[in-house]
């Protein structure tokens, strides 16, 4: 069986560090060692997502990192609406910068279209400003 990924905007996030800080502040609400992102729609391709898929985070118009999806859980809101919780590995893996236009909700991301992970030696580098990372990615320099 093949796998697929999820592409999601990290709304209100300025950097990967902002995403990490927000997730750390919410740890008390989630299963130990995991992060959770709740969304309205349940993936129809659930088996493919759970077969090695990751959520790729778009920050300020650029994919900059990903987290492995370890589960999907049903969450019923106080409004009576059933939602999908993406249960994510706590580790955030930085990726090569790849520009993406804004969209609502989430999208499937084919593995062949997913940016590669940053080399281990590059992870500690200070992140480029989002506008510069996007400009470089648009011209093919990541």
N, C-alpha and C. Protein backbone atom coordinates (compact mmCIF):
# COMPACT_ATOMS: atom_id res chain seq x y z
N UNK A 1 0.85 -1.19 0.00
CA UNK A 1 0.00 0.00 0.00
C UNK A 1 0.89 1.24 0.00
N UNK A 2 0.48 2.21 -0.77
CA UNK A 2 1.23 3.47 -0.83
C UNK A 2 0.83 4.36 0.34
N UNK A 3 1.53 5.45 0.46
CA UNK A 3 1.17 6.42 1.49
C UNK A 3 0.98 7.78 0.84
N UNK A 4 0.34 8.66 1.59
CA UNK A 4 0.17 10.04 1.16
C UNK A 4 0.34 10.94 2.37
N UNK A 5 0.58 12.20 2.10
CA UNK A 5 0.78 13.18 3.16
C UNK A 5 -0.37 14.17 3.17
N UNK A 6 -0.38 15.00 4.20
CA UNK A 6 -1.35 16.09 4.36
C UNK A 6 -0.59 17.41 4.32
N UNK A 7 -1.14 18.38 3.62
CA UNK A 7 -0.58 19.72 3.54
C UNK A 7 -1.52 20.64 4.29
N UNK A 8 -1.00 21.42 5.25
CA UNK A 8 -1.84 22.25 6.10
C UNK A 8 -1.16 23.58 6.38
N UNK A 9 -1.94 24.66 6.30
CA UNK A 9 -1.43 25.98 6.69
C UNK A 9 -1.33 26.04 8.21
N UNK A 10 -0.26 26.60 8.71
CA UNK A 10 -0.12 26.85 10.13
C UNK A 10 -0.50 28.32 10.34
N UNK A 11 -1.78 28.55 10.51
CA UNK A 11 -2.33 29.91 10.57
C UNK A 11 -1.83 30.65 11.80
N UNK A 12 -1.36 31.87 11.59
CA UNK A 12 -0.90 32.72 12.68
C UNK A 12 0.53 32.43 13.13
N UNK A 13 1.18 31.48 12.48
CA UNK A 13 2.54 31.11 12.84
C UNK A 13 3.52 31.90 11.97
N UNK A 14 4.53 32.47 12.59
CA UNK A 14 5.53 33.25 11.88
C UNK A 14 6.77 32.44 11.52
N UNK A 15 7.00 31.33 12.24
CA UNK A 15 8.22 30.54 12.04
C UNK A 15 8.01 29.13 12.59
N UNK A 16 8.95 28.25 12.29
CA UNK A 16 8.91 26.90 12.85
C UNK A 16 8.98 26.99 14.38
N UNK A 17 9.76 27.93 14.89
CA UNK A 17 9.89 28.09 16.33
C UNK A 17 8.55 28.46 16.96
N UNK A 18 7.74 29.30 16.28
CA UNK A 18 6.40 29.63 16.77
C UNK A 18 5.54 28.37 16.88
N UNK A 19 5.60 27.51 15.85
CA UNK A 19 4.85 26.26 15.87
C UNK A 19 5.30 25.40 17.05
N UNK A 20 6.61 25.27 17.24
CA UNK A 20 7.15 24.48 18.35
C UNK A 20 6.70 25.05 19.70
N UNK A 21 6.76 26.37 19.85
CA UNK A 21 6.36 27.01 21.10
C UNK A 21 4.87 26.77 21.39
N UNK A 22 4.03 26.92 20.36
CA UNK A 22 2.59 26.71 20.55
C UNK A 22 2.32 25.27 20.94
N UNK A 23 2.94 24.33 20.23
CA UNK A 23 2.71 22.92 20.56
C UNK A 23 3.19 22.60 21.97
N UNK A 24 4.31 23.17 22.37
CA UNK A 24 4.82 22.93 23.73
C UNK A 24 3.83 23.47 24.77
N UNK A 25 3.24 24.62 24.48
CA UNK A 25 2.29 25.21 25.43
C UNK A 25 1.00 24.40 25.55
N UNK A 26 0.72 23.54 24.58
CA UNK A 26 -0.50 22.75 24.58
C UNK A 26 -0.28 21.30 25.02
N UNK A 27 0.96 20.91 25.30
CA UNK A 27 1.29 19.52 25.63
C UNK A 27 0.41 18.92 26.71
N UNK A 28 0.02 19.71 27.68
CA UNK A 28 -0.78 19.19 28.80
C UNK A 28 -2.14 18.67 28.34
N UNK A 29 -2.60 19.05 27.16
CA UNK A 29 -3.91 18.65 26.65
C UNK A 29 -3.87 17.39 25.80
N UNK A 30 -2.67 16.93 25.43
CA UNK A 30 -2.54 15.86 24.45
C UNK A 30 -1.92 14.61 25.03
N UNK A 31 -2.01 13.48 24.28
CA UNK A 31 -1.35 12.24 24.75
C UNK A 31 0.16 12.46 24.87
N UNK A 32 0.77 11.80 25.83
CA UNK A 32 2.21 11.95 26.07
C UNK A 32 3.01 11.64 24.80
N UNK A 33 3.93 12.55 24.47
CA UNK A 33 4.80 12.34 23.31
C UNK A 33 4.16 12.67 21.98
N UNK A 34 2.97 13.26 21.99
CA UNK A 34 2.27 13.57 20.74
C UNK A 34 1.82 15.02 20.71
N UNK A 35 1.55 15.48 19.52
CA UNK A 35 0.89 16.77 19.31
C UNK A 35 -0.42 16.44 18.59
N UNK A 36 -1.39 17.32 18.68
CA UNK A 36 -2.69 17.06 18.05
C UNK A 36 -3.12 18.31 17.28
N UNK A 37 -3.65 18.06 16.08
CA UNK A 37 -4.25 19.15 15.31
C UNK A 37 -5.65 18.72 14.91
N UNK A 38 -6.64 19.49 15.33
CA UNK A 38 -8.04 19.15 15.04
C UNK A 38 -8.51 19.91 13.81
N UNK A 39 -9.16 19.19 12.91
CA UNK A 39 -9.68 19.77 11.68
C UNK A 39 -11.08 19.25 11.44
N UNK A 40 -11.81 19.92 10.58
CA UNK A 40 -13.21 19.56 10.37
C UNK A 40 -13.40 18.28 9.57
N UNK A 41 -12.58 18.08 8.55
CA UNK A 41 -12.79 16.98 7.63
C UNK A 41 -11.93 15.76 7.95
N UNK A 42 -12.52 14.58 7.84
CA UNK A 42 -11.81 13.31 8.03
C UNK A 42 -11.27 12.89 6.66
N UNK A 43 -9.99 12.46 6.58
CA UNK A 43 -9.46 12.06 5.28
C UNK A 43 -10.11 10.78 4.75
N UNK A 44 -10.58 10.83 3.51
CA UNK A 44 -11.15 9.64 2.87
C UNK A 44 -10.05 8.61 2.60
N UNK A 45 -8.83 9.08 2.45
CA UNK A 45 -7.68 8.20 2.19
C UNK A 45 -6.94 7.89 3.51
N UNK A 46 -7.71 7.59 4.53
CA UNK A 46 -7.19 7.36 5.88
C UNK A 46 -6.07 6.31 5.90
N UNK A 47 -6.27 5.18 5.25
CA UNK A 47 -5.27 4.11 5.28
C UNK A 47 -3.94 4.58 4.69
N UNK A 48 -3.99 5.39 3.62
CA UNK A 48 -2.76 5.90 3.01
C UNK A 48 -2.06 6.92 3.92
N UNK A 49 -2.85 7.74 4.60
CA UNK A 49 -2.29 8.74 5.51
C UNK A 49 -1.60 8.05 6.69
N UNK A 50 -2.22 6.98 7.19
CA UNK A 50 -1.68 6.27 8.35
C UNK A 50 -0.56 5.30 7.99
N UNK A 51 -0.27 5.15 6.72
CA UNK A 51 0.77 4.23 6.25
C UNK A 51 2.09 4.98 6.00
N UNK A 52 2.46 5.85 6.92
CA UNK A 52 3.73 6.57 6.78
C UNK A 52 3.59 8.02 6.38
N UNK A 53 2.39 8.57 6.44
CA UNK A 53 2.18 9.96 6.05
C UNK A 53 2.60 10.96 7.13
N UNK A 54 2.84 12.17 6.69
CA UNK A 54 3.19 13.28 7.58
C UNK A 54 2.28 14.46 7.25
N UNK A 55 2.18 15.37 8.20
CA UNK A 55 1.52 16.64 7.93
C UNK A 55 2.65 17.63 7.63
N UNK A 56 2.58 18.25 6.46
CA UNK A 56 3.58 19.25 6.04
C UNK A 56 2.99 20.61 6.35
N UNK A 57 3.69 21.38 7.16
CA UNK A 57 3.21 22.69 7.61
C UNK A 57 3.68 23.80 6.68
N UNK A 58 2.69 24.58 6.21
CA UNK A 58 2.96 25.77 5.40
C UNK A 58 2.95 26.96 6.35
N UNK A 59 4.09 27.64 6.43
CA UNK A 59 4.25 28.79 7.33
C UNK A 59 4.60 30.00 6.48
N UNK A 60 3.72 31.01 6.53
CA UNK A 60 3.94 32.24 5.75
C UNK A 60 4.16 31.93 4.26
N UNK A 61 3.38 31.01 3.71
CA UNK A 61 3.44 30.71 2.29
C UNK A 61 4.52 29.74 1.85
N UNK A 62 5.21 29.11 2.81
CA UNK A 62 6.32 28.20 2.48
C UNK A 62 6.24 26.95 3.36
N UNK A 63 6.34 25.76 2.74
CA UNK A 63 6.47 24.55 3.54
C UNK A 63 7.85 24.60 4.19
N UNK A 64 7.89 24.47 5.52
CA UNK A 64 9.17 24.54 6.23
C UNK A 64 9.44 23.34 7.13
N UNK A 65 8.40 22.53 7.42
CA UNK A 65 8.61 21.40 8.32
C UNK A 65 7.47 20.40 8.19
N UNK A 66 7.65 19.26 8.83
CA UNK A 66 6.63 18.23 8.82
C UNK A 66 6.63 17.48 10.14
N UNK A 67 5.51 16.79 10.40
CA UNK A 67 5.39 15.90 11.55
C UNK A 67 4.72 14.62 11.09
N UNK A 68 5.23 13.49 11.54
CA UNK A 68 4.66 12.20 11.17
C UNK A 68 3.28 12.05 11.81
N UNK A 69 2.32 11.56 11.04
CA UNK A 69 0.97 11.31 11.54
C UNK A 69 0.94 9.91 12.13
N UNK A 70 0.63 9.82 13.42
CA UNK A 70 0.63 8.52 14.10
C UNK A 70 -0.77 8.00 14.38
N UNK A 71 -1.79 8.83 14.14
CA UNK A 71 -3.15 8.37 14.36
C UNK A 71 -4.17 9.42 13.97
N UNK A 72 -5.41 8.97 13.86
CA UNK A 72 -6.55 9.85 13.63
C UNK A 72 -7.58 9.50 14.69
N UNK A 73 -8.16 10.52 15.31
CA UNK A 73 -9.16 10.29 16.34
C UNK A 73 -10.36 11.18 16.12
N UNK A 74 -11.52 10.66 16.41
CA UNK A 74 -12.75 11.43 16.33
C UNK A 74 -12.86 12.31 17.57
N UNK A 75 -13.20 13.57 17.34
CA UNK A 75 -13.38 14.53 18.43
C UNK A 75 -14.74 15.18 18.23
N UNK A 76 -15.59 15.12 19.25
CA UNK A 76 -16.90 15.77 19.18
C UNK A 76 -16.82 17.09 19.91
N UNK A 77 -17.11 18.16 19.16
CA UNK A 77 -17.05 19.49 19.74
C UNK A 77 -18.26 19.80 20.60
N UNK A 78 -18.16 20.84 21.40
CA UNK A 78 -19.28 21.26 22.25
C UNK A 78 -20.47 21.71 21.41
N UNK A 79 -20.21 21.98 20.11
CA UNK A 79 -21.27 22.37 19.19
C UNK A 79 -21.97 21.16 18.57
N UNK A 80 -21.55 19.96 18.96
CA UNK A 80 -22.16 18.74 18.43
C UNK A 80 -21.59 18.28 17.10
N UNK A 81 -20.60 19.01 16.58
CA UNK A 81 -20.01 18.65 15.29
C UNK A 81 -18.82 17.72 15.53
N UNK A 82 -18.80 16.64 14.77
CA UNK A 82 -17.71 15.68 14.84
C UNK A 82 -16.54 16.16 13.98
N UNK A 83 -15.34 16.08 14.52
CA UNK A 83 -14.14 16.54 13.82
C UNK A 83 -13.08 15.45 13.84
N UNK A 84 -12.00 15.67 13.08
CA UNK A 84 -10.89 14.73 13.01
C UNK A 84 -9.67 15.34 13.70
N UNK A 85 -9.09 14.59 14.62
CA UNK A 85 -7.85 15.01 15.26
C UNK A 85 -6.69 14.23 14.64
N UNK A 86 -5.77 14.95 14.00
CA UNK A 86 -4.54 14.35 13.53
C UNK A 86 -3.63 14.23 14.76
N UNK A 87 -3.28 13.01 15.12
CA UNK A 87 -2.35 12.78 16.22
C UNK A 87 -0.97 12.71 15.59
N UNK A 88 -0.08 13.59 16.03
CA UNK A 88 1.22 13.77 15.39
C UNK A 88 2.36 13.40 16.32
N UNK A 89 3.41 12.85 15.72
CA UNK A 89 4.64 12.64 16.47
C UNK A 89 5.11 14.00 16.98
N UNK A 90 5.65 14.02 18.16
CA UNK A 90 6.10 15.28 18.77
C UNK A 90 7.26 15.90 18.00
N UNK A 91 8.08 15.09 17.33
CA UNK A 91 9.24 15.60 16.61
C UNK A 91 8.82 16.38 15.37
N UNK A 92 9.33 17.58 15.25
CA UNK A 92 9.10 18.42 14.08
C UNK A 92 10.37 18.35 13.23
N UNK A 93 10.21 17.89 11.98
CA UNK A 93 11.34 17.69 11.08
C UNK A 93 11.35 18.83 10.08
N UNK A 94 12.42 19.58 10.05
CA UNK A 94 12.53 20.70 9.10
C UNK A 94 12.76 20.16 7.70
N UNK A 95 12.15 20.84 6.74
CA UNK A 95 12.24 20.43 5.34
C UNK A 95 12.87 21.54 4.50
N UNK A 96 13.19 21.19 3.28
CA UNK A 96 13.59 22.21 2.32
C UNK A 96 12.40 23.15 2.13
N UNK A 97 12.66 24.40 1.89
CA UNK A 97 11.58 25.38 1.68
C UNK A 97 10.91 25.13 0.34
N UNK A 98 9.57 25.14 0.35
CA UNK A 98 8.80 24.96 -0.88
C UNK A 98 7.58 25.87 -0.81
N UNK A 99 7.45 26.81 -1.75
CA UNK A 99 6.33 27.76 -1.69
C UNK A 99 4.99 27.08 -1.96
N UNK A 100 3.96 27.59 -1.30
CA UNK A 100 2.59 27.12 -1.52
C UNK A 100 1.66 28.31 -1.36
N UNK A 101 0.70 28.39 -2.24
CA UNK A 101 -0.32 29.44 -2.13
C UNK A 101 -1.28 29.10 -1.00
N UNK A 102 -1.94 30.12 -0.50
CA UNK A 102 -2.91 29.93 0.58
C UNK A 102 -4.09 29.09 0.10
N UNK A 103 -4.66 28.33 1.00
CA UNK A 103 -5.84 27.52 0.73
C UNK A 103 -6.55 27.29 2.06
N UNK A 104 -7.78 26.83 1.99
CA UNK A 104 -8.52 26.56 3.22
C UNK A 104 -8.47 25.07 3.53
N UNK A 105 -8.56 24.74 4.80
CA UNK A 105 -8.58 23.34 5.21
C UNK A 105 -7.22 22.71 5.02
N UNK A 106 -7.22 21.49 4.51
CA UNK A 106 -5.98 20.78 4.22
C UNK A 106 -6.10 20.13 2.86
N UNK A 107 -4.97 19.70 2.33
CA UNK A 107 -4.92 19.04 1.02
C UNK A 107 -4.05 17.80 1.14
N UNK A 108 -4.29 16.84 0.26
CA UNK A 108 -3.37 15.70 0.16
C UNK A 108 -2.10 16.19 -0.54
N UNK A 109 -0.98 15.61 -0.17
CA UNK A 109 0.30 15.93 -0.78
C UNK A 109 0.96 14.62 -1.19
N UNK A 110 1.10 14.43 -2.49
CA UNK A 110 1.73 13.22 -3.00
C UNK A 110 3.19 13.18 -2.56
N UNK A 111 3.69 12.02 -2.14
CA UNK A 111 5.09 11.95 -1.70
C UNK A 111 6.09 12.47 -2.73
N UNK A 112 5.80 12.30 -4.02
CA UNK A 112 6.75 12.79 -5.04
C UNK A 112 6.79 14.32 -5.10
N UNK A 113 5.77 14.99 -4.56
CA UNK A 113 5.72 16.45 -4.55
C UNK A 113 6.16 17.05 -3.22
N UNK A 114 6.47 16.21 -2.25
CA UNK A 114 6.85 16.69 -0.92
C UNK A 114 8.31 17.13 -0.91
N UNK A 115 8.61 18.25 -0.27
CA UNK A 115 10.02 18.67 -0.17
C UNK A 115 10.80 17.70 0.70
N UNK A 116 12.09 17.58 0.42
CA UNK A 116 12.95 16.70 1.20
C UNK A 116 13.25 17.26 2.58
N UNK A 117 13.62 16.38 3.48
CA UNK A 117 14.04 16.80 4.81
C UNK A 117 15.38 17.52 4.69
N UNK A 118 15.60 18.48 5.55
CA UNK A 118 16.91 19.15 5.60
C UNK A 118 17.95 18.15 6.10
N UNK A 119 19.14 18.25 5.56
CA UNK A 119 20.25 17.41 6.02
C UNK A 119 20.50 17.70 7.50
N UNK A 120 20.92 16.70 8.24
CA UNK A 120 21.13 16.84 9.69
C UNK A 120 21.99 18.06 10.04
N UNK A 121 23.03 18.33 9.26
CA UNK A 121 23.91 19.46 9.53
C UNK A 121 23.25 20.81 9.31
N UNK A 122 22.16 20.84 8.54
CA UNK A 122 21.50 22.12 8.25
C UNK A 122 20.39 22.45 9.24
N UNK A 123 19.95 21.49 10.04
CA UNK A 123 18.83 21.70 10.95
C UNK A 123 19.12 22.80 11.95
N UNK A 124 20.36 22.91 12.40
CA UNK A 124 20.72 23.91 13.41
C UNK A 124 20.92 25.31 12.82
N UNK A 125 20.93 25.41 11.50
CA UNK A 125 21.10 26.73 10.89
C UNK A 125 19.93 27.62 11.24
N UNK A 126 20.21 28.90 11.35
CA UNK A 126 19.13 29.86 11.58
C UNK A 126 18.25 29.91 10.34
N UNK A 127 16.95 29.87 10.54
CA UNK A 127 16.02 29.87 9.41
C UNK A 127 16.11 31.19 8.65
N UNK A 128 15.95 31.09 7.34
CA UNK A 128 15.89 32.28 6.51
C UNK A 128 14.59 33.02 6.79
N UNK A 129 14.56 34.31 6.59
CA UNK A 129 13.28 35.02 6.69
C UNK A 129 12.29 34.40 5.70
N UNK A 130 11.02 34.26 6.07
CA UNK A 130 10.06 33.57 5.21
C UNK A 130 10.00 34.11 3.77
N UNK A 131 10.06 35.43 3.59
CA UNK A 131 9.98 35.99 2.24
C UNK A 131 11.19 35.56 1.40
N UNK A 132 12.37 35.53 2.00
CA UNK A 132 13.56 35.10 1.28
C UNK A 132 13.50 33.61 0.97
N UNK A 133 13.06 32.79 1.95
CA UNK A 133 12.93 31.35 1.71
C UNK A 133 11.97 31.08 0.57
N UNK A 134 10.86 31.83 0.52
CA UNK A 134 9.88 31.65 -0.55
C UNK A 134 10.48 32.06 -1.89
N UNK A 135 11.16 33.18 -1.93
CA UNK A 135 11.76 33.65 -3.19
C UNK A 135 12.78 32.65 -3.71
N UNK A 136 13.62 32.12 -2.86
CA UNK A 136 14.62 31.13 -3.28
C UNK A 136 13.94 29.85 -3.77
N UNK A 137 12.91 29.41 -3.06
CA UNK A 137 12.21 28.19 -3.47
C UNK A 137 11.53 28.37 -4.83
N UNK A 138 10.99 29.56 -5.08
CA UNK A 138 10.31 29.82 -6.34
C UNK A 138 11.25 29.76 -7.53
N UNK A 139 12.52 30.07 -7.31
CA UNK A 139 13.47 30.00 -8.43
C UNK A 139 14.28 28.71 -8.40
N UNK A 140 13.89 27.79 -7.51
CA UNK A 140 14.51 26.48 -7.49
C UNK A 140 15.75 26.36 -6.64
N UNK A 141 16.03 27.35 -5.80
CA UNK A 141 17.18 27.29 -4.90
C UNK A 141 16.66 27.11 -3.48
N UNK A 142 16.82 25.93 -2.95
CA UNK A 142 16.29 25.68 -1.60
C UNK A 142 17.40 25.64 -0.63
